[in-house]
C-alpha atoms as a PDB file:
ATOM      1  CA  MET A   1     -24.925  38.757 -11.132  1.00  0.00           C
ATOM      2  CA  SER A   2     -21.882  38.428  -7.997  1.00  0.00           C
ATOM      3  CA  GLU A   3     -21.901  37.636  -4.923  1.00  0.00           C
ATOM      4  CA  LEU A   4     -21.684  41.023  -3.691  1.00  0.00           C
ATOM      5  CA  TYR A   5     -23.688  42.248  -5.831  1.00  0.00           C
ATOM      6  CA  LYS A   6     -27.006  39.595  -3.887  1.00  0.00           C
ATOM      7  CA  GLY A   7     -25.652  40.889  -0.844  1.00  0.00           C
ATOM      8  CA  VAL A   8     -25.768  43.922  -0.537  1.00  0.00           C
ATOM      9  CA  GLU A   9     -29.079  43.484  -1.838  1.00  0.00           C
ATOM     10  CA  LYS A  10     -30.009  40.449   0.767  1.00  0.00           C
ATOM     11  CA  LEU A  11     -28.883  43.563   3.213  1.00  0.00           C
ATOM     12  CA  GLN A  12     -31.150  46.380   1.577  1.00  0.00           C
ATOM     13  CA  ASN A  13     -34.105  43.664   1.948  1.00  0.00           C
ATOM     14  CA  LYS A  14     -33.525  42.814   5.504  1.00  0.00           C
ATOM     15  CA  HIS A  15     -32.216  38.979   5.018  1.00  0.00           C
ATOM     16  CA  TYR A  16     -29.241  39.720   6.597  1.00  0.00           C
ATOM     17  CA  GLU A  17     -27.912  36.173   7.162  1.00  0.00           C
ATOM     18  CA  GLU A  18     -28.251  35.570   3.288  1.00  0.00           C
ATOM     19  CA  ALA A  19     -26.624  38.092   2.822  1.00  0.00           C
ATOM     20  CA  ALA A  20     -23.795  37.367   5.306  1.00  0.00           C
ATOM     21  CA  LYS A  21     -23.188  33.893   2.931  1.00  0.00           C
ATOM     22  CA  ASP A  22     -23.437  35.732  -0.342  1.00  0.00           C
ATOM     23  CA  LEU A  23     -21.036  38.130   0.929  1.00  0.00           C
ATOM     24  CA  TYR A  24     -18.605  35.029   2.135  1.00  0.00           C
ATOM     25  CA  GLU A  25     -19.004  33.742  -0.933  1.00  0.00           C
ATOM     26  CA  PHE A  26     -17.202  36.338  -2.689  1.00  0.00           C
ATOM     27  CA  ILE A  27     -14.489  36.091  -0.207  1.00  0.00           C
ATOM     28  CA  LEU A  28     -14.044  32.676  -1.464  1.00  0.00           C
ATOM     29  CA  LYS A  29     -14.945  31.943  -5.590  1.00  0.00           C
ATOM     30  CA  ASP A  30     -13.265  35.136  -6.364  1.00  0.00           C
ATOM     31  CA  LYS A  31      -9.996  33.957  -5.100  1.00  0.00           C
ATOM     32  CA  LEU A  32      -8.672  37.253  -3.560  1.00  0.00           C
ATOM     33  CA  THR A  33      -5.709  36.267  -2.129  1.00  0.00           C
ATOM     34  CA  THR A  34      -3.967  40.041  -2.059  1.00  0.00           C
ATOM     35  CA  ASN A  35      -6.207  43.181  -1.625  1.00  0.00           C
ATOM     36  CA  ILE A  36      -9.271  42.443  -1.294  1.00  0.00           C
ATOM     37  CA  ASP A  37     -10.157  46.177  -1.373  1.00  0.00           C
ATOM     38  CA  ASP A  38      -9.410  46.953  -4.773  1.00  0.00           C
ATOM     39  CA  ALA A  39     -11.510  43.412  -5.301  1.00  0.00           C
ATOM     40  CA  ILE A  40     -14.793  45.117  -3.986  1.00  0.00           C
ATOM     41  CA  LYS A  41     -14.024  48.045  -5.230  1.00  0.00           C
ATOM     42  CA  GLY A  42     -14.198  46.876  -8.867  1.00  0.00           C
ATOM     43  CA  ARG A  43     -16.909  44.938  -8.150  1.00  0.00           C
ATOM     44  CA  LYS A  44     -18.773  47.730  -7.008  1.00  0.00           C
ATOM     45  CA  GLU A  45     -18.087  49.527 -10.116  1.00  0.00           C
ATOM     46  CA  LYS A  46     -19.137  46.364 -12.583  1.00  0.00           C
ATOM     47  CA  ASP A  47     -22.186  45.318 -10.482  1.00  0.00           C
ATOM     48  CA  LYS A  48     -22.668  49.367 -10.506  1.00  0.00           C
ATOM     49  CA  LEU A  49     -23.437  49.096  -6.261  1.00  0.00           C
ATOM     50  CA  HIS A  50     -23.406  52.821  -6.044  1.00  0.00           C
ATOM     51  CA  LEU A  51     -23.919  53.179  -2.224  1.00  0.00           C
ATOM     52  CA  SER A  52     -22.888  56.358  -0.554  1.00  0.00           C
ATOM     53  CA  ASN A  53     -20.615  55.865   2.900  1.00  0.00           C
ATOM     54  CA  ASN A  54     -24.049  56.800   4.468  1.00  0.00           C
ATOM     55  CA  GLU A  55     -26.306  54.142   2.831  1.00  0.00           C
ATOM     56  CA  LEU A  56     -23.599  51.738   4.096  1.00  0.00           C
ATOM     57  CA  ILE A  57     -23.329  52.430   7.769  1.00  0.00           C
ATOM     58  CA  GLU A  58     -27.189  52.128   7.801  1.00  0.00           C
ATOM     59  CA  LEU A  59     -27.072  48.524   6.444  1.00  0.00           C
ATOM     60  CA  TYR A  60     -23.950  47.880   9.158  1.00  0.00           C
ATOM     61  CA  LYS A  61     -26.290  49.351  11.855  1.00  0.00           C
ATOM     62  CA  ASN A  62     -29.681  47.446  11.040  1.00  0.00           C
ATOM     63  CA  SER A  63     -27.547  44.343  10.849  1.00  0.00           C
ATOM     64  CA  ILE A  64     -26.392  45.361  14.192  1.00  0.00           C
ATOM     65  CA  LYS A  65     -29.693  44.517  15.404  1.00  0.00           C
ATOM     66  CA  TYR A  66     -30.506  42.353  13.843  1.00  0.00           C
ATOM     67  CA  PHE A  67     -27.696  39.991  15.612  1.00  0.00           C
ATOM     68  CA  ASP A  68     -27.592  41.673  18.410  1.00  0.00           C
ATOM     69  CA  ASP A  69     -31.426  40.997  19.091  1.00  0.00           C
ATOM     70  CA  LYS A  70     -30.692  36.855  17.520  1.00  0.00           C
ATOM     71  CA  ILE A  71     -27.540  36.888  19.778  1.00  0.00           C
ATOM     72  CA  ASN A  72     -29.624  36.755  23.392  1.00  0.00           C
ATOM     73  CA  ASN A  73     -31.568  34.332  21.992  1.00  0.00           C
ATOM     74  CA  LEU A  74     -29.296  31.333  21.213  1.00  0.00           C
ATOM     75  CA  SER A  75     -26.696  28.941  22.329  1.00  0.00           C
ATOM     76  CA  VAL A  76     -22.915  29.135  22.208  1.00  0.00           C
ATOM     77  CA  ASP A  77     -22.617  27.529  18.398  1.00  0.00           C
ATOM     78  CA  LEU A  78     -25.218  29.668  17.256  1.00  0.00           C
ATOM     79  CA  VAL A  79     -23.727  32.694  18.110  1.00  0.00           C
ATOM     80  CA  ALA A  80     -20.449  32.481  17.039  1.00  0.00           C
ATOM     81  CA  GLU A  81     -22.300  31.393  13.882  1.00  0.00           C
ATOM     82  CA  ALA A  82     -24.384  35.105  14.150  1.00  0.00           C
ATOM     83  CA  TYR A  83     -21.030  36.371  14.790  1.00  0.00           C
ATOM     84  CA  PHE A  84     -19.510  35.102  12.047  1.00  0.00           C
ATOM     85  CA  ASP A  85     -22.298  36.519   9.184  1.00  0.00           C
ATOM     86  CA  LEU A  86     -22.260  40.112  11.488  1.00  0.00           C
ATOM     87  CA  GLY A  87     -18.293  39.945  10.702  1.00  0.00           C
ATOM     88  CA  VAL A  88     -18.418  39.185   7.123  1.00  0.00           C
ATOM     89  CA  ILE A  89     -21.260  41.875   6.651  1.00  0.00           C
ATOM     90  CA  SER A  90     -18.860  44.616   8.756  1.00  0.00           C
ATOM     91  CA  ILE A  91     -16.453  44.411   6.082  1.00  0.00           C
ATOM     92  CA  PHE A  92     -18.514  44.687   3.288  1.00  0.00           C
ATOM     93  CA  THR A  93     -20.102  47.401   4.537  1.00  0.00           C
ATOM     94  CA  ASN A  94     -17.812  49.605   6.788  1.00  0.00           C
ATOM     95  CA  GLN A  95     -14.602  48.710   5.257  1.00  0.00           C
ATOM     96  CA  ARG A  96     -12.014  50.409   7.081  1.00  0.00           C
ATOM     97  CA  GLU A  97     -13.195  49.957  10.832  1.00  0.00           C
ATOM     98  CA  TYR A  98     -13.991  46.470  10.904  1.00  0.00           C
ATOM     99  CA  ASN A  99     -11.397  45.369   7.729  1.00  0.00           C
ATOM    100  CA  PRO A 100      -9.316  42.180   9.341  1.00  0.00           C
ATOM    101  CA  ARG A 101      -6.540  44.259   7.026  1.00  0.00           C
ATOM    102  CA  TYR A 102      -6.490  47.203   9.207  1.00  0.00           C
ATOM    103  CA  THR A 103      -7.693  46.163  12.433  1.00  0.00           C
ATOM    104  CA  ASN A 104      -9.075  43.582  14.562  1.00  0.00           C
ATOM    105  CA  ASN A 105     -12.288  42.806  13.143  1.00  0.00           C
ATOM    106  CA  GLU A 106     -14.345  42.001  17.221  1.00  0.00           C
ATOM    107  CA  TYR A 107     -17.057  39.694  15.377  1.00  0.00           C
ATOM    108  CA  LEU A 108     -14.669  37.614  13.653  1.00  0.00           C
ATOM    109  CA  ASP A 109     -12.550  37.397  17.086  1.00  0.00           C
ATOM    110  CA  LYS A 110     -15.512  36.452  18.982  1.00  0.00           C
ATOM    111  CA  VAL A 111     -16.027  33.705  16.385  1.00  0.00           C
ATOM    112  CA  PHE A 112     -12.775  32.680  17.087  1.00  0.00           C
ATOM    113  CA  LYS A 113     -13.046  32.469  21.044  1.00  0.00           C
ATOM    114  CA  LEU A 114     -16.587  30.672  21.027  1.00  0.00           C
ATOM    115  CA  SER A 115     -16.845  28.490  18.176  1.00  0.00           C
ATOM    116  CA  ASN A 116     -15.493  24.712  18.356  1.00  0.00           C
ATOM    117  CA  ASP A 117     -17.451  24.222  15.168  1.00  0.00           C
ATOM    118  CA  ILE A 118     -14.732  22.882  12.464  1.00  0.00           C
ATOM    119  CA  VAL A 119     -17.209  24.298   9.587  1.00  0.00           C
ATOM    120  CA  LEU A 120     -17.311  27.404  11.064  1.00  0.00           C
ATOM    121  CA  LEU A 121     -13.569  27.696  11.652  1.00  0.00           C
ATOM    122  CA  GLY A 122     -12.642  26.753   8.775  1.00  0.00           C
ATOM    123  CA  LYS A 123     -14.609  29.035   6.678  1.00  0.00           C
ATOM    124  CA  LEU A 124     -12.574  31.888   9.251  1.00  0.00           C
ATOM    125  CA  GLY A 125      -9.338  31.013   8.469  1.00  0.00           C
ATOM    126  CA  VAL A 126      -9.833  31.529   5.163  1.00  0.00           C
ATOM    127  CA  VAL A 127     -11.346  34.917   5.905  1.00  0.00           C
ATOM    128  CA  TYR A 128      -8.305  35.776   7.883  1.00  0.00           C
ATOM    129  CA  GLY A 129      -5.976  34.251   5.535  1.00  0.00           C
ATOM    130  CA  LYS A 130      -7.582  36.514   2.208  1.00  0.00           C
ATOM    131  CA  TYR A 131      -6.896  39.399   4.329  1.00  0.00           C
ATOM    132  CA  GLU A 132      -3.382  38.595   5.266  1.00  0.00           C
ATOM    133  CA  GLN A 133      -3.582  37.266   8.965  1.00  0.00           C
ATOM    134  CA  TYR A 134      -1.524  34.488   8.685  1.00  0.00           C
ATOM    135  CA  ASP A 135      -1.374  33.497  12.295  1.00  0.00           C
ATOM    136  CA  LYS A 136      -5.190  34.046  12.809  1.00  0.00           C
ATOM    137  CA  ALA A 137      -5.969  31.986   9.826  1.00  0.00           C
ATOM    138  CA  ILE A 138      -3.181  29.466  10.922  1.00  0.00           C
ATOM    139  CA  GLY A 139      -4.925  29.331  15.005  1.00  0.00           C
ATOM    140  CA  CYS A 140      -8.288  28.542  13.229  1.00  0.00           C
ATOM    141  CA  PHE A 141      -6.841  25.867  11.662  1.00  0.00           C
ATOM    142  CA  GLU A 142      -4.989  24.857  15.048  1.00  0.00           C
ATOM    143  CA  LYS A 143      -8.233  24.668  16.809  1.00  0.00           C
ATOM    144  CA  ILE A 144      -9.939  22.520  14.058  1.00  0.00           C
ATOM    145  CA  LEU A 145      -6.792  20.126  14.850  1.00  0.00           C
ATOM    146  CA  GLN A 146      -6.838  20.140  18.318  1.00  0.00           C
ATOM    147  CA  ILE A 147     -10.832  19.221  18.096  1.00  0.00           C
ATOM    148  CA  GLU A 148     -10.309  16.868  14.871  1.00  0.00           C
ATOM    149  CA  PRO A 149      -6.421  15.798  14.974  1.00  0.00           C
ATOM    150  CA  ASN A 150      -6.275  14.420  11.577  1.00  0.00           C
ATOM    151  CA  ASN A 151      -8.076  17.110   9.211  1.00  0.00           C
ATOM    152  CA  LYS A 152      -7.335  17.027   6.230  1.00  0.00           C
ATOM    153  CA  GLU A 153      -8.275  20.090   5.492  1.00  0.00           C
ATOM    154  CA  ALA A 154      -6.699  22.292   8.222  1.00  0.00           C
ATOM    155  CA  LEU A 155      -3.511  20.373   7.896  1.00  0.00           C
ATOM    156  CA  ASP A 156      -3.355  21.627   4.187  1.00  0.00           C
ATOM    157  CA  SER A 157      -4.180  25.050   5.155  1.00  0.00           C
ATOM    158  CA  ILE A 158      -1.651  25.241   7.543  1.00  0.00           C
ATOM    159  CA  GLN A 159       1.168  24.199   4.602  1.00  0.00           C
ATOM    160  CA  ALA A 160      -0.619  26.428   1.948  1.00  0.00           C
ATOM    161  CA  ILE A 161      -0.085  28.942   4.263  1.00  0.00           C
ATOM    162  CA  ASN A 162       3.547  28.504   5.213  1.00  0.00           C
ATOM    163  CA  ASN A 163       4.465  27.812   1.942  1.00  0.00           C
ATOM    164  CA  HIS A 164       2.937  31.230   0.795  1.00  0.00           C
ATOM    165  CA  ARG A 165       4.972  32.989   3.856  1.00  0.00           C
ATOM    166  CA  LYS A 166       8.275  31.693   2.296  1.00  0.00           C
ATOM    167  CA  LYS A 167       7.550  33.344  -0.986  1.00  0.00           C
END
């Protein structure tokens, strides 16, 4: 069973943080480098995920309520993590409106502004990179380098993005 199917199933069961982790793993593991929308559509068909737009919107609204309630009682780092989870969920439940390929994802943008967590910024950079938002991806990795100047993963990621842009 793919991470996409597991993630949506967890959304339906109101396990929002676990759902966000599975959906992020889907982005990461499927090596989606050109068109994530087609890959999501293909996985939905393969995994027989037949949810209507209204069902997806309802899952998204429930996620917003859960994370909004949680955000009011958290530290800045945990708020950034909650926004990351909500940003990833929003991509999969409300495609066009919050898909970084088409528009700004306000949740992911808040993560960048709030977080100084190297792991979270790295994950954010990966999501932006997968959606061809290379300037934002590089911004995440540069922020990591401000915190930890010799971070090899950040340096390698910036180089990989720049090499990809040259093609």
